[in-house]
Protein backbone atom coordinates (compact mmCIF):
# COMPACT_ATOMS: atom_id res chain seq x y z
CA UNK A 1 113.10 -150.22 48.96
CA UNK A 2 113.47 -153.12 51.37
CA UNK A 3 113.81 -156.82 50.79
CA UNK A 4 112.61 -159.04 53.60
CA UNK A 5 114.45 -162.34 53.59
CA UNK A 6 112.51 -165.48 54.37
CA UNK A 7 115.70 -167.49 54.69
CA UNK A 8 116.45 -168.78 58.16
CA UNK A 9 119.87 -169.37 59.66
CA UNK A 10 120.91 -172.96 58.87
CA UNK A 11 120.42 -175.28 61.82
CA UNK A 12 123.57 -176.03 63.77
CA UNK A 13 123.97 -179.56 62.46
CA UNK A 14 124.00 -178.29 58.88
CA UNK A 15 126.81 -175.87 59.47
CA UNK A 16 129.55 -178.46 59.47
CA UNK A 17 130.45 -179.86 56.11
CA UNK A 18 131.42 -183.24 57.59
CA UNK A 19 127.89 -183.80 58.84
CA UNK A 20 126.50 -183.52 55.33
CA UNK A 21 129.40 -185.16 53.55
CA UNK A 22 127.99 -188.66 53.66
CA UNK A 23 124.76 -187.61 51.97
CA UNK A 24 126.32 -185.70 49.10
CA UNK A 25 129.76 -187.24 48.55
CA UNK A 26 128.52 -189.68 45.94
CA UNK A 27 126.93 -186.89 43.93
CA UNK A 28 129.73 -184.35 44.01
CA UNK A 29 133.03 -185.51 45.44
CA UNK A 30 135.00 -187.90 43.31
CA UNK A 31 138.77 -188.16 43.80
CA UNK A 32 139.59 -185.51 41.20
CA UNK A 33 137.19 -182.99 42.72
CA UNK A 34 138.64 -183.61 46.18
CA UNK A 35 142.11 -183.00 44.71
CA UNK A 36 140.94 -179.68 43.30
CA UNK A 37 139.46 -178.63 46.65
CA UNK A 38 142.63 -179.62 48.49
CA UNK A 39 144.62 -177.58 45.99
CA UNK A 40 142.44 -174.54 46.70
CA UNK A 41 143.00 -175.03 50.42
CA UNK A 42 146.75 -175.34 49.93
CA UNK A 43 146.77 -172.12 47.88
CA UNK A 44 144.73 -170.47 50.65
CA UNK A 45 141.87 -169.65 48.30
CA UNK A 46 139.64 -171.27 50.92
CA UNK A 47 140.38 -172.64 54.38
CA UNK A 48 137.36 -174.91 54.72
CA UNK A 49 134.22 -176.01 52.92
CA UNK A 50 131.42 -175.34 55.39
CA UNK A 51 128.02 -176.54 54.21
CA UNK A 52 125.86 -176.69 51.04
CA UNK A 53 123.72 -173.62 50.36
CA UNK A 54 122.17 -174.50 46.99
CA UNK A 55 121.67 -177.59 44.89
CA UNK A 56 120.66 -178.05 41.28
CA UNK A 57 120.71 -180.82 38.69
CA UNK A 58 124.10 -179.76 37.39
CA UNK A 59 125.91 -178.32 40.41
CA UNK A 60 126.01 -177.71 44.13
CA UNK A 61 127.07 -174.48 45.82
CA UNK A 62 128.80 -174.45 49.19
CA UNK A 63 129.71 -171.74 51.61
CA UNK A 64 133.45 -171.74 52.23
CA UNK A 65 135.58 -169.90 54.74
CA UNK A 66 138.98 -168.33 54.20
CA UNK A 67 140.92 -167.16 57.24
CA UNK A 68 143.72 -164.64 57.42
CA UNK A 69 146.72 -166.50 58.80
CA UNK A 70 147.93 -163.49 60.78
CA UNK A 71 144.69 -162.19 62.25
CA UNK A 72 142.42 -165.22 62.07
CA UNK A 73 139.72 -163.02 60.57
CA UNK A 74 137.20 -165.01 58.53
CA UNK A 75 135.79 -164.19 55.12
CA UNK A 76 133.20 -166.25 53.28
CA UNK A 77 133.19 -167.38 49.68
CA UNK A 78 130.91 -169.45 47.47
CA UNK A 79 132.25 -172.61 45.88
CA UNK A 80 130.26 -174.01 42.96
CA UNK A 81 131.01 -177.63 42.09
CA UNK A 82 129.66 -179.02 38.84
CA UNK A 83 128.68 -182.68 39.10
CA UNK A 84 130.45 -185.18 36.90
CA UNK A 85 127.66 -187.69 37.40
CA UNK A 86 124.96 -185.50 35.79
CA UNK A 87 123.71 -187.75 33.00
CA UNK A 88 121.94 -185.09 30.94
CA UNK A 89 124.86 -182.68 30.88
CA UNK A 90 126.49 -183.64 27.61
CA UNK A 91 123.43 -183.68 25.37
CA UNK A 92 121.53 -180.77 26.87
CA UNK A 93 124.50 -178.40 27.08
CA UNK A 94 125.74 -178.73 23.51
CA UNK A 95 123.10 -176.25 22.32
CA UNK A 96 124.61 -173.55 24.54
CA UNK A 97 128.18 -174.18 23.39
CA UNK A 98 127.59 -174.41 19.64
CA UNK A 99 128.13 -171.06 18.00
CA UNK A 100 130.38 -169.76 20.80
CA UNK A 101 133.84 -169.11 19.30
CA UNK A 102 135.41 -169.20 22.77
CA UNK A 103 134.73 -172.91 23.25
CA UNK A 104 134.67 -176.15 21.30
CA UNK A 105 132.29 -179.00 22.06
CA UNK A 106 134.38 -181.67 23.79
CA UNK A 107 134.19 -185.37 23.04
CA UNK A 108 133.58 -186.66 26.56
CA UNK A 109 131.07 -186.06 29.30
CA UNK A 110 133.75 -185.21 31.85
CA UNK A 111 135.33 -182.64 29.54
CA UNK A 112 131.90 -181.04 29.00
CA UNK A 113 131.43 -180.58 32.74
CA UNK A 114 134.82 -178.88 33.00
CA UNK A 115 134.01 -176.70 29.99
CA UNK A 116 130.79 -175.67 31.71
CA UNK A 117 132.78 -174.46 34.72
CA UNK A 118 135.12 -172.50 32.42
CA UNK A 119 132.12 -171.02 30.64
CA UNK A 120 130.47 -169.99 33.90
CA UNK A 121 133.69 -168.32 35.05
CA UNK A 122 134.27 -166.56 31.71
CA UNK A 123 130.71 -165.24 31.57
CA UNK A 124 130.79 -164.07 35.19
CA UNK A 125 134.06 -162.27 34.56
CA UNK A 126 132.69 -160.61 31.41
CA UNK A 127 129.61 -159.46 33.30
CA UNK A 128 131.51 -158.29 36.37
CA UNK A 129 133.83 -156.18 34.24
CA UNK A 130 130.81 -154.68 32.47
CA UNK A 131 129.24 -153.60 35.77
CA UNK A 132 126.50 -156.22 35.87
CA UNK A 133 125.44 -157.13 39.41
CA UNK A 134 126.91 -160.63 39.64
CA UNK A 135 129.02 -162.37 42.27
CA UNK A 136 132.67 -161.55 41.62
CA UNK A 137 134.43 -164.57 40.08
CA UNK A 138 137.67 -165.42 41.90
CA UNK A 139 139.13 -168.61 40.47
CA UNK A 140 138.18 -171.65 38.38
CA UNK A 141 139.80 -175.08 38.47
CA UNK A 142 138.42 -178.00 36.45
CA UNK A 143 134.80 -178.45 37.63
CA UNK A 144 135.01 -175.90 40.47
CA UNK A 145 134.31 -172.16 40.44
CA UNK A 146 135.05 -169.97 43.48
CA UNK A 147 133.23 -166.67 43.68
CA UNK A 148 132.00 -163.94 46.00
CA UNK A 149 129.68 -165.17 48.74
CA UNK A 150 126.34 -163.36 48.64
CA UNK A 151 125.29 -163.22 52.25
CA UNK A 152 125.11 -161.26 55.45
CA UNK A 153 127.02 -162.35 58.58
CA UNK A 154 127.69 -165.70 56.96
CA UNK A 155 124.04 -166.36 56.14
CA UNK A 156 123.27 -166.78 52.41
CA UNK A 157 121.01 -164.17 50.85
CA UNK A 158 117.68 -165.18 49.40
CA UNK A 159 116.45 -165.84 45.88
CA UNK A 160 114.17 -163.16 44.48
CA UNK A 161 111.49 -165.83 44.11
CA UNK A 162 111.49 -166.33 47.88
CA UNK A 163 111.79 -162.66 48.85
CA UNK A 164 109.11 -160.14 49.76
CA UNK A 165 109.51 -157.05 47.60
CA UNK A 166 108.31 -153.75 49.01
CA UNK A 167 109.19 -151.48 46.07
CA UNK A 168 108.79 -153.48 42.88
CA UNK A 169 109.27 -150.50 40.55
CA UNK A 170 112.63 -149.58 42.05
CA UNK A 171 113.77 -153.19 41.92
CA UNK A 172 112.58 -153.57 38.32
CA UNK A 173 114.76 -150.61 37.31
CA UNK A 174 117.83 -152.25 38.86
CA UNK A 175 117.10 -155.56 37.14
CA UNK A 176 116.73 -153.77 33.81
CA UNK A 177 120.02 -151.97 34.32
CA UNK A 178 121.88 -155.24 34.80
CA UNK A 179 120.05 -156.81 31.88
CA UNK A 180 121.10 -153.88 29.67
CA UNK A 181 124.72 -154.00 30.81
CA UNK A 182 124.95 -157.72 30.09
CA UNK A 183 123.36 -157.24 26.67
CA UNK A 184 125.68 -154.37 25.81
CA UNK A 185 128.59 -156.57 26.86
CA UNK A 186 127.39 -159.08 24.28
CA UNK A 187 125.82 -161.68 26.57
CA UNK A 188 122.37 -163.21 26.99
CA UNK A 189 121.79 -165.09 30.24
CA UNK A 190 119.56 -167.70 28.55
CA UNK A 191 117.93 -168.93 31.78
CA UNK A 192 117.01 -165.77 33.64
CA UNK A 193 114.10 -165.72 36.06
CA UNK A 194 113.29 -164.94 39.68
CA UNK A 195 115.00 -168.25 40.52
CA UNK A 196 118.35 -166.99 39.17
CA UNK A 197 118.41 -163.63 40.93
CA UNK A 198 119.62 -163.32 44.51
CA UNK A 199 118.58 -160.37 46.65
CA UNK A 200 121.44 -159.22 48.84
CA UNK A 201 120.39 -156.11 50.70
CA UNK A 202 118.57 -154.06 48.09
CA UNK A 203 120.71 -155.28 45.21
CA UNK A 204 119.60 -157.96 42.72
CA UNK A 205 122.51 -160.23 41.73
CA UNK A 206 122.21 -162.38 38.61
CA UNK A 207 123.59 -165.90 39.13
CA UNK A 208 124.08 -169.15 37.16
CA UNK A 209 125.85 -168.00 33.97
CA UNK A 210 127.07 -171.34 32.65
CA UNK A 211 124.51 -171.57 29.85
CA UNK A 212 124.78 -167.90 28.83
CA UNK A 213 125.53 -167.23 25.18
CA UNK A 214 127.12 -164.50 23.09
CA UNK A 215 124.87 -162.41 20.87
CA UNK A 216 126.41 -164.19 17.88
CA UNK A 217 124.85 -167.47 19.02
CA UNK A 218 122.14 -168.58 16.53
CA UNK A 219 119.52 -168.81 19.29
CA UNK A 220 120.56 -165.70 21.23
CA UNK A 221 117.45 -163.72 20.32
CA UNK A 222 115.13 -166.56 21.29
CA UNK A 223 116.94 -166.97 24.62
CA UNK A 224 116.73 -163.22 25.23
CA UNK A 225 113.00 -163.15 24.59
CA UNK A 226 112.45 -166.03 27.03
CA UNK A 227 114.50 -164.21 29.69
CA UNK A 228 112.52 -161.02 29.25
CA UNK A 229 109.21 -162.89 29.27
CA UNK A 230 110.13 -164.55 32.57
CA UNK A 231 111.09 -161.26 34.19
CA UNK A 232 108.08 -159.35 32.90
CA UNK A 233 105.70 -162.07 34.06
CA UNK A 234 107.21 -162.01 37.57
CA UNK A 235 107.28 -158.24 37.96
CA UNK A 236 103.84 -157.72 36.45
CA UNK A 237 102.47 -159.91 39.23
CA UNK A 238 103.91 -157.26 41.55
CA UNK A 239 102.06 -154.52 39.67
CA UNK A 240 104.91 -153.08 37.57
CA UNK A 241 103.06 -153.14 34.25
CA UNK A 242 106.08 -153.96 32.09
CA UNK A 243 105.97 -154.92 28.41
CA UNK A 244 108.13 -157.55 26.72
CA UNK A 245 108.13 -155.53 23.51
CA UNK A 246 109.20 -152.34 25.28
CA UNK A 247 112.03 -154.08 27.10
CA UNK A 248 113.36 -155.70 23.93
CA UNK A 249 113.22 -152.38 22.07
CA UNK A 250 114.99 -150.66 24.95
CA UNK A 251 117.80 -153.22 24.84
CA UNK A 252 118.24 -152.83 21.11
CA UNK A 253 118.36 -149.04 21.35
CA UNK A 254 120.82 -149.14 24.24
CA UNK A 255 123.18 -151.43 22.37
CA UNK A 256 122.89 -149.34 19.21
CA UNK A 257 124.04 -146.28 21.18
CA UNK A 258 127.02 -148.14 22.59
């Protein structure tokens, strides 16, 4: 199975964070967020924030570099910064927090954004420990989550939606395996689609776990069915011939055997 990336190397002027800073500082970088980033630099979690690689309504993701002080060898990481200015955050995110015993709904917008970062980190950690293909979570501070960078030679890997899939059946099996592992670990992604899966090499990595819910959540089953519908629709366009009913039954049986 081969995945052909359509992603091009970022143009030179986009590679330096300072060049893009003026365009995005108002959306992402308030004083507190800058303090958090400086703290991560001081603790040598990252050495520099390079350039943005993904942007959504709630967060931006940057490539960061960390350098070994002795050898100068560079390693890349992903830094996800949740935006404090996102106006819809508080109201829209309450539905994903209610019913989760790990978290309480906060009273302020700012606290909700920070909770969302904690939730993303906690869910990533839970998935990573269960063997789900997700970026390894490294550290979380306030509205910032640092995780494994999914890329090759410093170039970010591509979303499944933008990839050309040569062996859809083999890829579908891998996606199902991660879906099963997450479900057996007690988690439902709750926003899973080809836009939240990154292809790195031949491996599908599930990303964006902030909204994910425990199976005890009152809407967990509904979220699960939507996730499965999205995946089945995408892969059936590639000729897989999957069934929503079969996938849901498979998940239930797998968890029952756990």
